[in-house]
PDB file of N, CA and C in Angstrom:
ATOM      1  N   UNK A   1      98.305 226.406 -28.672  1.00  0.00           N
ATOM      2  CA  UNK A   1      97.022 226.006 -29.231  1.00  0.00           C
ATOM      3  C   UNK A   1      96.437 227.155 -30.045  1.00  0.00           C
ATOM      4  N   UNK A   2      96.497 228.325 -29.466  1.00  0.00           N
ATOM      5  CA  UNK A   2      95.920 229.479 -30.149  1.00  0.00           C
ATOM      6  C   UNK A   2      96.627 229.752 -31.466  1.00  0.00           C
ATOM      7  N   UNK A   3      97.950 229.675 -31.449  1.00  0.00           N
ATOM      8  CA  UNK A   3      98.741 229.940 -32.656  1.00  0.00           C
ATOM      9  C   UNK A   3      98.400 228.959 -33.777  1.00  0.00           C
ATOM     10  N   UNK A   4      98.060 227.735 -33.404  1.00  0.00           N
ATOM     11  CA  UNK A   4      97.755 226.711 -34.403  1.00  0.00           C
ATOM     12  C   UNK A   4      96.263 226.606 -34.693  1.00  0.00           C
ATOM     13  N   UNK A   5      95.464 227.444 -34.049  1.00  0.00           N
ATOM     14  CA  UNK A   5      94.025 227.457 -34.311  1.00  0.00           C
ATOM     15  C   UNK A   5      93.301 226.233 -33.784  1.00  0.00           C
ATOM     16  N   UNK A   6      93.790 225.682 -32.690  1.00  0.00           N
ATOM     17  CA  UNK A   6      93.181 224.493 -32.089  1.00  0.00           C
ATOM     18  C   UNK A   6      92.520 224.910 -30.787  1.00  0.00           C
ATOM     19  N   UNK A   7      91.229 224.645 -30.667  1.00  0.00           N
ATOM     20  CA  UNK A   7      90.469 225.068 -29.502  1.00  0.00           C
ATOM     21  C   UNK A   7      90.678 224.178 -28.283  1.00  0.00           C
ATOM     22  N   UNK A   8      90.470 224.762 -27.122  1.00  0.00           N
ATOM     23  CA  UNK A   8      90.613 224.040 -25.851  1.00  0.00           C
ATOM     24  C   UNK A   8      89.643 222.861 -25.779  1.00  0.00           C
ATOM     25  N   UNK A   9      88.436 223.036 -26.321  1.00  0.00           N
ATOM     26  CA  UNK A   9      87.441 221.963 -26.285  1.00  0.00           C
ATOM     27  C   UNK A   9      87.923 220.737 -27.062  1.00  0.00           C
ATOM     28  N   UNK A  10      88.548 220.984 -28.213  1.00  0.00           N
ATOM     29  CA  UNK A  10      89.095 219.890 -29.018  1.00  0.00           C
ATOM     30  C   UNK A  10      90.174 219.134 -28.251  1.00  0.00           C
ATOM     31  N   UNK A  11      91.064 219.876 -27.626  1.00  0.00           N
ATOM     32  CA  UNK A  11      92.161 219.285 -26.863  1.00  0.00           C
ATOM     33  C   UNK A  11      91.605 218.472 -25.692  1.00  0.00           C
ATOM     34  N   UNK A  12      90.666 219.049 -24.956  1.00  0.00           N
ATOM     35  CA  UNK A  12      90.061 218.340 -23.818  1.00  0.00           C
ATOM     36  C   UNK A  12      89.384 217.051 -24.258  1.00  0.00           C
ATOM     37  N   UNK A  13      88.702 217.086 -25.402  1.00  0.00           N
ATOM     38  CA  UNK A  13      88.015 215.899 -25.916  1.00  0.00           C
ATOM     39  C   UNK A  13      89.016 214.775 -26.207  1.00  0.00           C
ATOM     40  N   UNK A  14      90.161 215.121 -26.788  1.00  0.00           N
ATOM     41  CA  UNK A  14      91.181 214.112 -27.104  1.00  0.00           C
ATOM     42  C   UNK A  14      91.813 213.568 -25.823  1.00  0.00           C
ATOM     43  N   UNK A  15      92.080 214.438 -24.864  1.00  0.00           N
ATOM     44  CA  UNK A  15      92.691 213.988 -23.606  1.00  0.00           C
ATOM     45  C   UNK A  15      91.745 213.067 -22.834  1.00  0.00           C
ATOM     46  N   UNK A  16      90.467 213.411 -22.801  1.00  0.00           N
ATOM     47  CA  UNK A  16      89.500 212.628 -22.028  1.00  0.00           C
ATOM     48  C   UNK A  16      89.110 211.314 -22.700  1.00  0.00           C
ATOM     49  N   UNK A  17      89.134 211.274 -24.031  1.00  0.00           N
ATOM     50  CA  UNK A  17      88.743 210.051 -24.748  1.00  0.00           C
ATOM     51  C   UNK A  17      89.615 209.871 -25.988  1.00  0.00           C
ATOM     52  N   UNK A  18      90.905 209.593 -25.794  1.00  0.00           N
ATOM     53  CA  UNK A  18      91.796 209.444 -26.948  1.00  0.00           C
ATOM     54  C   UNK A  18      91.506 208.162 -27.724  1.00  0.00           C
ATOM     55  N   UNK A  19      91.685 208.238 -29.004  1.00  0.00           N
ATOM     56  CA  UNK A  19      91.591 207.040 -29.842  1.00  0.00           C
ATOM     57  C   UNK A  19      92.798 206.141 -29.568  1.00  0.00           C
ATOM     58  N   UNK A  20      93.915 206.769 -29.235  1.00  0.00           N
ATOM     59  CA  UNK A  20      95.134 206.019 -28.965  1.00  0.00           C
ATOM     60  C   UNK A  20      96.029 206.827 -28.023  1.00  0.00           C
ATOM     61  N   UNK A  21      96.760 206.123 -27.184  1.00  0.00           N
ATOM     62  CA  UNK A  21      97.756 206.746 -26.300  1.00  0.00           C
ATOM     63  C   UNK A  21      99.110 206.130 -26.626  1.00  0.00           C
ATOM     64  N   UNK A  22     100.084 206.981 -26.885  1.00  0.00           N
ATOM     65  CA  UNK A  22     101.439 206.540 -27.203  1.00  0.00           C
ATOM     66  C   UNK A  22     102.358 206.990 -26.066  1.00  0.00           C
ATOM     67  N   UNK A  23     103.137 206.053 -25.528  1.00  0.00           N
ATOM     68  CA  UNK A  23     104.098 206.382 -24.483  1.00  0.00           C
ATOM     69  C   UNK A  23     105.408 206.785 -25.149  1.00  0.00           C
ATOM     70  N   UNK A  24     105.771 208.039 -25.001  1.00  0.00           N
ATOM     71  CA  UNK A  24     106.951 208.597 -25.662  1.00  0.00           C
ATOM     72  C   UNK A  24     108.204 208.284 -24.859  1.00  0.00           C
ATOM     73  N   UNK A  25     108.130 208.552 -23.573  1.00  0.00           N
ATOM     74  CA  UNK A  25     109.233 208.304 -22.643  1.00  0.00           C
ATOM     75  C   UNK A  25     108.628 208.345 -21.249  1.00  0.00           C
ATOM     76  N   UNK A  26     109.366 207.955 -20.238  1.00  0.00           N
ATOM     77  CA  UNK A  26     108.797 208.022 -18.883  1.00  0.00           C
ATOM     78  C   UNK A  26     108.305 209.438 -18.560  1.00  0.00           C
ATOM     79  N   UNK A  27     107.049 209.526 -18.186  1.00  0.00           N
ATOM     80  CA  UNK A  27     106.471 210.808 -17.818  1.00  0.00           C
ATOM     81  C   UNK A  27     105.813 211.580 -18.934  1.00  0.00           C
ATOM     82  N   UNK A  28     105.920 211.116 -20.192  1.00  0.00           N
ATOM     83  CA  UNK A  28     105.295 211.836 -21.315  1.00  0.00           C
ATOM     84  C   UNK A  28     104.513 210.871 -22.193  1.00  0.00           C
ATOM     85  N   UNK A  29     103.291 211.275 -22.514  1.00  0.00           N
ATOM     86  CA  UNK A  29     102.442 210.502 -23.416  1.00  0.00           C
ATOM     87  C   UNK A  29     101.917 211.408 -24.523  1.00  0.00           C
ATOM     88  N   UNK A  30     101.434 210.770 -25.578  1.00  0.00           N
ATOM     89  CA  UNK A  30     100.728 211.487 -26.635  1.00  0.00           C
ATOM     90  C   UNK A  30      99.331 210.895 -26.708  1.00  0.00           C
ATOM     91  N   UNK A  31      98.327 211.733 -26.496  1.00  0.00           N
ATOM     92  CA  UNK A  31      96.937 211.345 -26.696  1.00  0.00           C
ATOM     93  C   UNK A  31      96.584 211.801 -28.103  1.00  0.00           C
ATOM     94  N   UNK A  32      96.021 210.902 -28.899  1.00  0.00           N
ATOM     95  CA  UNK A  32      95.722 211.288 -30.275  1.00  0.00           C
ATOM     96  C   UNK A  32      94.414 210.687 -30.736  1.00  0.00           C
ATOM     97  N   UNK A  33      93.744 211.445 -31.599  1.00  0.00           N
ATOM     98  CA  UNK A  33      92.469 211.024 -32.176  1.00  0.00           C
ATOM     99  C   UNK A  33      92.320 211.653 -33.548  1.00  0.00           C
ATOM    100  N   UNK A  34      91.579 210.950 -34.413  1.00  0.00           N
ATOM    101  CA  UNK A  34      91.259 211.507 -35.724  1.00  0.00           C
ATOM    102  C   UNK A  34      90.186 212.574 -35.582  1.00  0.00           C
ATOM    103  N   UNK A  35      90.327 213.617 -36.373  1.00  0.00           N
ATOM    104  CA  UNK A  35      89.319 214.669 -36.457  1.00  0.00           C
ATOM    105  C   UNK A  35      89.061 214.949 -37.934  1.00  0.00           C
ATOM    106  N   UNK A  36      87.848 215.361 -38.235  1.00  0.00           N
ATOM    107  CA  UNK A  36      87.498 215.678 -39.620  1.00  0.00           C
ATOM    108  C   UNK A  36      87.309 217.177 -39.714  1.00  0.00           C
ATOM    109  N   UNK A  37      87.979 217.776 -40.685  1.00  0.00           N
ATOM    110  CA  UNK A  37      87.929 219.218 -40.863  1.00  0.00           C
ATOM    111  C   UNK A  37      87.917 219.540 -42.350  1.00  0.00           C
ATOM    112  N   UNK A  38      86.908 220.270 -42.774  1.00  0.00           N
ATOM    113  CA  UNK A  38      86.770 220.654 -44.193  1.00  0.00           C
ATOM    114  C   UNK A  38      86.833 219.443 -45.114  1.00  0.00           C
ATOM    115  N   UNK A  39      86.179 218.341 -44.694  1.00  0.00           N
ATOM    116  CA  UNK A  39      86.101 217.146 -45.522  1.00  0.00           C
ATOM    117  C   UNK A  39      87.357 216.309 -45.566  1.00  0.00           C
ATOM    118  N   UNK A  40      88.325 216.605 -44.719  1.00  0.00           N
ATOM    119  CA  UNK A  40      89.586 215.865 -44.716  1.00  0.00           C
ATOM    120  C   UNK A  40      89.881 215.349 -43.320  1.00  0.00           C
ATOM    121  N   UNK A  41      90.491 214.155 -43.235  1.00  0.00           N
ATOM    122  CA  UNK A  41      90.855 213.582 -41.945  1.00  0.00           C
ATOM    123  C   UNK A  41      92.232 214.078 -41.503  1.00  0.00           C
ATOM    124  N   UNK A  42      92.309 214.418 -40.231  1.00  0.00           N
ATOM    125  CA  UNK A  42      93.561 214.827 -39.597  1.00  0.00           C
ATOM    126  C   UNK A  42      93.719 214.038 -38.312  1.00  0.00           C
ATOM    127  N   UNK A  43      94.917 214.051 -37.777  1.00  0.00           N
ATOM    128  CA  UNK A  43      95.182 213.462 -36.481  1.00  0.00           C
ATOM    129  C   UNK A  43      95.561 214.593 -35.544  1.00  0.00           C
ATOM    130  N   UNK A  44      94.811 214.711 -34.451  1.00  0.00           N
ATOM    131  CA  UNK A  44      95.125 215.714 -33.441  1.00  0.00           C
ATOM    132  C   UNK A  44      95.977 215.035 -32.390  1.00  0.00           C
ATOM    133  N   UNK A  45      97.205 215.526 -32.206  1.00  0.00           N
ATOM    134  CA  UNK A  45      98.167 214.932 -31.269  1.00  0.00           C
ATOM    135  C   UNK A  45      98.402 215.904 -30.119  1.00  0.00           C
ATOM    136  N   UNK A  46      98.211 215.403 -28.896  1.00  0.00           N
ATOM    137  CA  UNK A  46      98.361 216.214 -27.693  1.00  0.00           C
ATOM    138  C   UNK A  46      99.448 215.573 -26.831  1.00  0.00           C
ATOM    139  N   UNK A  47     100.560 216.264 -26.672  1.00  0.00           N
ATOM    140  CA  UNK A  47     101.679 215.777 -25.859  1.00  0.00           C
ATOM    141  C   UNK A  47     101.464 216.245 -24.429  1.00  0.00           C
ATOM    142  N   UNK A  48     101.507 215.303 -23.480  1.00  0.00           N
ATOM    143  CA  UNK A  48     101.190 215.604 -22.088  1.00  0.00           C
ATOM    144  C   UNK A  48     102.289 215.068 -21.177  1.00  0.00           C
ATOM    145  N   UNK A  49     102.786 215.934 -20.289  1.00  0.00           N
ATOM    146  CA  UNK A  49     103.687 215.487 -19.227  1.00  0.00           C
ATOM    147  C   UNK A  49     102.813 215.022 -18.073  1.00  0.00           C
ATOM    148  N   UNK A  50     102.775 213.709 -17.855  1.00  0.00           N
ATOM    149  CA  UNK A  50     101.892 213.140 -16.840  1.00  0.00           C
ATOM    150  C   UNK A  50     102.555 213.017 -15.474  1.00  0.00           C
ATOM    151  N   UNK A  51     103.848 213.281 -15.410  1.00  0.00           N
ATOM    152  CA  UNK A  51     104.543 213.184 -14.128  1.00  0.00           C
ATOM    153  C   UNK A  51     104.475 214.491 -13.336  1.00  0.00           C
ATOM    154  N   UNK A  52     103.753 215.471 -13.841  1.00  0.00           N
ATOM    155  CA  UNK A  52     103.551 216.739 -13.129  1.00  0.00           C
ATOM    156  C   UNK A  52     102.190 216.721 -12.455  1.00  0.00           C
ATOM    157  N   UNK A  53     102.043 217.493 -11.411  1.00  0.00           N
ATOM    158  CA  UNK A  53     100.773 217.595 -10.695  1.00  0.00           C
ATOM    159  C   UNK A  53     100.297 219.036 -10.745  1.00  0.00           C
ATOM    160  N   UNK A  54      99.262 219.346 -11.488  1.00  0.00           N
ATOM    161  CA  UNK A  54      98.507 218.477 -12.387  1.00  0.00           C
ATOM    162  C   UNK A  54      99.284 218.220 -13.685  1.00  0.00           C
ATOM    163  N   UNK A  55      98.829 217.234 -14.442  1.00  0.00           N
ATOM    164  CA  UNK A  55      99.458 216.929 -15.731  1.00  0.00           C
ATOM    165  C   UNK A  55      99.440 218.188 -16.597  1.00  0.00           C
ATOM    166  N   UNK A  56     100.471 218.341 -17.446  1.00  0.00           N
ATOM    167  CA  UNK A  56     100.612 219.569 -18.222  1.00  0.00           C
ATOM    168  C   UNK A  56     100.717 219.267 -19.711  1.00  0.00           C
ATOM    169  N   UNK A  57      99.920 219.965 -20.512  1.00  0.00           N
ATOM    170  CA  UNK A  57      99.988 219.854 -21.967  1.00  0.00           C
ATOM    171  C   UNK A  57     101.244 220.584 -22.420  1.00  0.00           C
ATOM    172  N   UNK A  58     102.079 219.873 -23.188  1.00  0.00           N
ATOM    173  CA  UNK A  58     103.337 220.433 -23.662  1.00  0.00           C
ATOM    174  C   UNK A  58     103.149 221.090 -25.022  1.00  0.00           C
ATOM    175  N   UNK A  59     102.551 220.362 -25.946  1.00  0.00           N
ATOM    176  CA  UNK A  59     102.283 220.900 -27.279  1.00  0.00           C
ATOM    177  C   UNK A  59     101.125 220.148 -27.909  1.00  0.00           C
ATOM    178  N   UNK A  60     100.541 220.770 -28.907  1.00  0.00           N
ATOM    179  CA  UNK A  60      99.382 220.222 -29.612  1.00  0.00           C
ATOM    180  C   UNK A  60      99.540 220.563 -31.087  1.00  0.00           C
ATOM    181  N   UNK A  61      99.238 219.601 -31.962  1.00  0.00           N
ATOM    182  CA  UNK A  61      99.203 219.935 -33.384  1.00  0.00           C
ATOM    183  C   UNK A  61      98.333 218.951 -34.145  1.00  0.00           C
ATOM    184  N   UNK A  62      97.885 219.390 -35.326  1.00  0.00           N
ATOM    185  CA  UNK A  62      97.136 218.531 -36.240  1.00  0.00           C
ATOM    186  C   UNK A  62      98.068 218.166 -37.379  1.00  0.00           C
ATOM    187  N   UNK A  63      97.945 216.916 -37.828  1.00  0.00           N
ATOM    188  CA  UNK A  63      98.737 216.467 -38.965  1.00  0.00           C
ATOM    189  C   UNK A  63      97.844 215.693 -39.931  1.00  0.00           C
ATOM    190  N   UNK A  64      98.166 215.796 -41.194  1.00  0.00           N
ATOM    191  CA  UNK A  64      97.440 215.026 -42.207  1.00  0.00           C
ATOM    192  C   UNK A  64      98.052 213.633 -42.374  1.00  0.00           C
ATOM    193  N   UNK A  65      99.169 213.372 -41.729  1.00  0.00           N
ATOM    194  CA  UNK A  65      99.858 212.084 -41.832  1.00  0.00           C
ATOM    195  C   UNK A  65      99.301 211.093 -40.815  1.00  0.00           C
ATOM    196  N   UNK A  66      98.018 210.796 -40.948  1.00  0.00           N
ATOM    197  CA  UNK A  66      97.312 209.935 -39.997  1.00  0.00           C
ATOM    198  C   UNK A  66      97.950 208.554 -39.941  1.00  0.00           C
ATOM    199  N   UNK A  67      98.193 207.952 -41.089  1.00  0.00           N
ATOM    200  CA  UNK A  67      98.719 206.585 -41.105  1.00  0.00           C
ATOM    201  C   UNK A  67     100.149 206.498 -40.564  1.00  0.00           C
ATOM    202  N   UNK A  68     100.882 207.590 -40.592  1.00  0.00           N
ATOM    203  CA  UNK A  68     102.247 207.587 -40.074  1.00  0.00           C
ATOM    204  C   UNK A  68     102.266 207.446 -38.558  1.00  0.00           C
ATOM    205  N   UNK A  69     101.311 208.069 -37.879  1.00  0.00           N
ATOM    206  CA  UNK A  69     101.323 208.109 -36.420  1.00  0.00           C
ATOM    207  C   UNK A  69     100.298 207.214 -35.739  1.00  0.00           C
ATOM    208  N   UNK A  70      99.158 206.988 -36.356  1.00  0.00           N
ATOM    209  CA  UNK A  70      98.115 206.193 -35.729  1.00  0.00           C
ATOM    210  C   UNK A  70      98.447 204.702 -35.826  1.00  0.00           C
ATOM    211  N   UNK A  71      98.219 203.996 -34.728  1.00  0.00           N
ATOM    212  CA  UNK A  71      98.493 202.562 -34.715  1.00  0.00           C
ATOM    213  C   UNK A  71      99.859 202.224 -34.162  1.00  0.00           C
ATOM    214  N   UNK A  72     100.514 203.209 -33.550  1.00  0.00           N
ATOM    215  CA  UNK A  72     101.850 202.975 -32.996  1.00  0.00           C
ATOM    216  C   UNK A  72     101.832 202.955 -31.478  1.00  0.00           C
ATOM    217  N   UNK A  73     100.636 203.001 -30.888  1.00  0.00           N
ATOM    218  CA  UNK A  73     100.516 203.046 -29.427  1.00  0.00           C
ATOM    219  C   UNK A  73     100.916 201.744 -28.776  1.00  0.00           C
ATOM    220  N   UNK A  74     101.185 201.826 -27.456  1.00  0.00           N
ATOM    221  CA  UNK A  74     101.566 200.638 -26.701  1.00  0.00           C
ATOM    222  C   UNK A  74     100.612 200.429 -25.565  1.00  0.00           C
TER     223      UNK A  74
END
């Protein structure tokens, strides 16, 4: 998160109230929400291993390819 300049508060906000949840495989989900930064829309994607106790964030990134990823949840 630090390397990509994404704050813990942003990540927590997406995990607690995602716009969409995508099931990647058993035990892993992606919580994602649109964020606006410098007048542009991005998608913040948070990969979470939910089969661990407690659940563990695997990776986080922002992408400008909102339409590519949003709307693919199950």
